[in-house]
N, C-alpha and C. Protein backbone atom coordinates (compact mmCIF):
# COMPACT_ATOMS: atom_id res chain seq x y z
N UNK A 1 38.91 37.76 -140.23
CA UNK A 1 38.08 36.93 -139.36
C UNK A 1 37.28 37.86 -138.44
N UNK A 2 35.97 37.80 -138.51
CA UNK A 2 35.11 38.67 -137.72
C UNK A 2 34.43 37.92 -136.58
N UNK A 3 34.97 36.82 -136.17
CA UNK A 3 34.37 36.03 -135.10
C UNK A 3 34.88 36.50 -133.74
N UNK A 4 34.09 36.23 -132.72
CA UNK A 4 34.50 36.55 -131.35
C UNK A 4 34.50 35.26 -130.53
N UNK A 5 35.32 35.25 -129.51
CA UNK A 5 35.41 34.13 -128.59
C UNK A 5 34.10 34.02 -127.81
N UNK A 6 33.52 32.84 -127.74
CA UNK A 6 32.24 32.72 -127.05
C UNK A 6 32.39 32.73 -125.53
N UNK A 7 33.63 32.64 -125.02
CA UNK A 7 33.85 32.70 -123.57
C UNK A 7 34.04 34.14 -123.10
N UNK A 8 34.98 34.86 -123.73
CA UNK A 8 35.30 36.21 -123.26
C UNK A 8 34.69 37.32 -124.12
N UNK A 9 34.23 36.99 -125.32
CA UNK A 9 33.62 37.99 -126.19
C UNK A 9 34.58 38.87 -126.96
N UNK A 10 35.89 38.61 -126.80
CA UNK A 10 36.89 39.41 -127.53
C UNK A 10 37.09 38.84 -128.93
N UNK A 11 37.53 39.68 -129.89
CA UNK A 11 37.76 39.20 -131.26
C UNK A 11 38.81 38.08 -131.28
N UNK A 12 38.61 37.16 -132.21
CA UNK A 12 39.55 36.05 -132.38
C UNK A 12 40.58 36.39 -133.45
N UNK A 13 41.79 35.97 -133.23
CA UNK A 13 42.88 36.10 -134.19
C UNK A 13 42.90 34.80 -134.99
N UNK A 14 43.06 34.89 -136.30
CA UNK A 14 43.08 33.69 -137.15
C UNK A 14 44.07 32.64 -136.68
N UNK A 15 45.23 33.08 -136.21
CA UNK A 15 46.28 32.14 -135.84
C UNK A 15 46.05 31.49 -134.48
N UNK A 16 45.32 32.15 -133.60
CA UNK A 16 45.19 31.64 -132.24
C UNK A 16 43.75 31.29 -131.87
N UNK A 17 42.93 30.98 -132.85
CA UNK A 17 41.56 30.54 -132.59
C UNK A 17 41.51 29.01 -132.72
N UNK A 18 40.90 28.37 -131.75
CA UNK A 18 40.72 26.92 -131.79
C UNK A 18 39.25 26.60 -131.55
N UNK A 19 38.87 25.37 -131.83
CA UNK A 19 37.49 24.94 -131.68
C UNK A 19 37.36 24.00 -130.50
N UNK A 20 36.38 24.24 -129.66
CA UNK A 20 36.09 23.36 -128.52
C UNK A 20 35.61 22.02 -129.05
N UNK A 21 36.20 20.93 -128.56
CA UNK A 21 35.82 19.60 -129.04
C UNK A 21 34.45 19.18 -128.52
N UNK A 22 33.93 19.87 -127.52
CA UNK A 22 32.65 19.50 -126.94
C UNK A 22 31.48 20.24 -127.59
N UNK A 23 31.56 21.56 -127.69
CA UNK A 23 30.44 22.34 -128.22
C UNK A 23 30.67 22.83 -129.65
N UNK A 24 31.92 22.81 -130.11
CA UNK A 24 32.22 23.23 -131.48
C UNK A 24 32.37 24.72 -131.69
N UNK A 25 32.31 25.50 -130.61
CA UNK A 25 32.45 26.95 -130.75
C UNK A 25 33.92 27.36 -130.69
N UNK A 26 34.21 28.52 -131.25
CA UNK A 26 35.59 29.03 -131.32
C UNK A 26 35.97 29.74 -130.02
N UNK A 27 37.23 29.52 -129.60
CA UNK A 27 37.79 30.16 -128.41
C UNK A 27 39.23 30.58 -128.70
N UNK A 28 39.80 31.37 -127.79
CA UNK A 28 41.22 31.71 -127.90
C UNK A 28 42.06 30.48 -127.55
N UNK A 29 43.18 30.32 -128.22
CA UNK A 29 44.11 29.23 -127.93
C UNK A 29 44.59 29.36 -126.49
N UNK A 30 44.45 28.31 -125.68
CA UNK A 30 44.86 28.37 -124.27
C UNK A 30 46.36 28.17 -124.09
N UNK A 31 47.13 29.18 -124.45
CA UNK A 31 48.59 29.10 -124.34
C UNK A 31 49.02 29.22 -122.88
N UNK A 32 50.01 28.45 -122.49
CA UNK A 32 50.50 28.45 -121.12
C UNK A 32 51.09 29.80 -120.74
N UNK A 33 51.80 30.43 -121.67
CA UNK A 33 52.48 31.68 -121.35
C UNK A 33 51.57 32.90 -121.38
N UNK A 34 50.32 32.77 -121.81
CA UNK A 34 49.43 33.93 -121.84
C UNK A 34 48.67 34.03 -120.53
N UNK A 35 48.96 35.05 -119.79
CA UNK A 35 48.27 35.28 -118.52
C UNK A 35 47.04 36.13 -118.76
N UNK A 36 45.95 35.82 -118.10
CA UNK A 36 44.74 36.61 -118.23
C UNK A 36 43.66 35.94 -119.04
N UNK A 37 43.91 35.60 -120.29
CA UNK A 37 42.90 34.95 -121.12
C UNK A 37 42.83 33.47 -120.77
N UNK A 38 41.79 33.11 -120.04
CA UNK A 38 41.59 31.72 -119.65
C UNK A 38 40.29 31.24 -120.27
N UNK A 39 40.30 31.10 -121.60
CA UNK A 39 39.08 30.76 -122.32
C UNK A 39 38.90 29.26 -122.50
N UNK A 40 39.93 28.48 -122.22
CA UNK A 40 39.81 27.04 -122.40
C UNK A 40 41.01 26.28 -121.89
N UNK A 41 41.00 24.99 -122.17
CA UNK A 41 42.07 24.10 -121.72
C UNK A 41 42.52 23.20 -122.86
N UNK A 42 43.74 22.74 -122.75
CA UNK A 42 44.26 21.75 -123.69
C UNK A 42 44.09 20.39 -123.03
N UNK A 43 43.53 19.44 -123.75
CA UNK A 43 43.38 18.08 -123.24
C UNK A 43 44.04 17.11 -124.22
N UNK A 44 44.47 15.98 -123.71
CA UNK A 44 45.09 14.99 -124.59
C UNK A 44 44.06 13.95 -124.99
N UNK A 45 44.15 13.52 -126.21
CA UNK A 45 43.32 12.45 -126.74
C UNK A 45 44.25 11.28 -127.02
N UNK A 46 44.46 10.44 -126.03
CA UNK A 46 45.44 9.37 -126.14
C UNK A 46 45.11 8.36 -127.23
N UNK A 47 43.82 8.05 -127.40
CA UNK A 47 43.44 7.07 -128.42
C UNK A 47 43.71 7.58 -129.82
N UNK A 48 43.81 8.90 -129.98
CA UNK A 48 44.06 9.48 -131.29
C UNK A 48 45.46 10.08 -131.40
N UNK A 49 46.24 10.01 -130.32
CA UNK A 49 47.58 10.61 -130.29
C UNK A 49 47.51 12.08 -130.71
N UNK A 50 46.63 12.83 -130.07
CA UNK A 50 46.41 14.22 -130.47
C UNK A 50 46.11 15.09 -129.25
N UNK A 51 46.16 16.38 -129.50
CA UNK A 51 45.72 17.36 -128.51
C UNK A 51 44.35 17.88 -128.95
N UNK A 52 43.52 18.20 -127.98
CA UNK A 52 42.21 18.77 -128.27
C UNK A 52 42.01 19.95 -127.33
N UNK A 53 40.98 20.73 -127.58
CA UNK A 53 40.71 21.92 -126.80
C UNK A 53 39.29 21.88 -126.27
N UNK A 54 39.11 22.33 -125.04
CA UNK A 54 37.79 22.40 -124.43
C UNK A 54 37.62 23.81 -123.88
N UNK A 55 36.49 24.43 -124.20
CA UNK A 55 36.26 25.78 -123.69
C UNK A 55 35.98 25.75 -122.19
N UNK A 56 36.14 26.89 -121.56
CA UNK A 56 35.95 27.00 -120.12
C UNK A 56 34.53 26.60 -119.70
N UNK A 57 33.53 26.97 -120.50
CA UNK A 57 32.14 26.64 -120.18
C UNK A 57 31.91 25.13 -120.17
N UNK A 58 32.38 24.43 -121.18
CA UNK A 58 32.20 22.98 -121.26
C UNK A 58 33.00 22.27 -120.17
N UNK A 59 34.18 22.78 -119.89
CA UNK A 59 35.02 22.20 -118.84
C UNK A 59 34.32 22.30 -117.49
N UNK A 60 33.73 23.45 -117.19
CA UNK A 60 33.02 23.64 -115.91
C UNK A 60 31.79 22.75 -115.84
N UNK A 61 31.08 22.56 -116.97
CA UNK A 61 29.92 21.69 -116.99
C UNK A 61 30.32 20.24 -116.69
N UNK A 62 31.44 19.81 -117.27
CA UNK A 62 31.92 18.44 -117.02
C UNK A 62 32.31 18.26 -115.56
N UNK A 63 32.97 19.26 -114.97
CA UNK A 63 33.39 19.16 -113.56
C UNK A 63 32.19 19.11 -112.64
N UNK A 64 31.11 19.80 -112.98
CA UNK A 64 29.91 19.81 -112.14
C UNK A 64 29.16 18.48 -112.19
N UNK A 65 29.41 17.66 -113.21
CA UNK A 65 28.75 16.35 -113.32
C UNK A 65 29.32 15.35 -112.33
N UNK A 66 30.57 15.58 -111.90
CA UNK A 66 31.23 14.60 -111.02
C UNK A 66 31.24 15.04 -109.62
């Protein structure tokens, strides 16, 4: 995998790359135990009984709207 995280610019690992549900770009998996890499957030999708991911950029844009 030769992709890089669009938030931090570091290479993505195949196992820990997720897609932002808002912009569709790849980011690092926002694991709770990983300190330092804050590339996104985990959000719940209650209507779908699922977890989704939002990158830091999209999350900040949403917060600025309110």
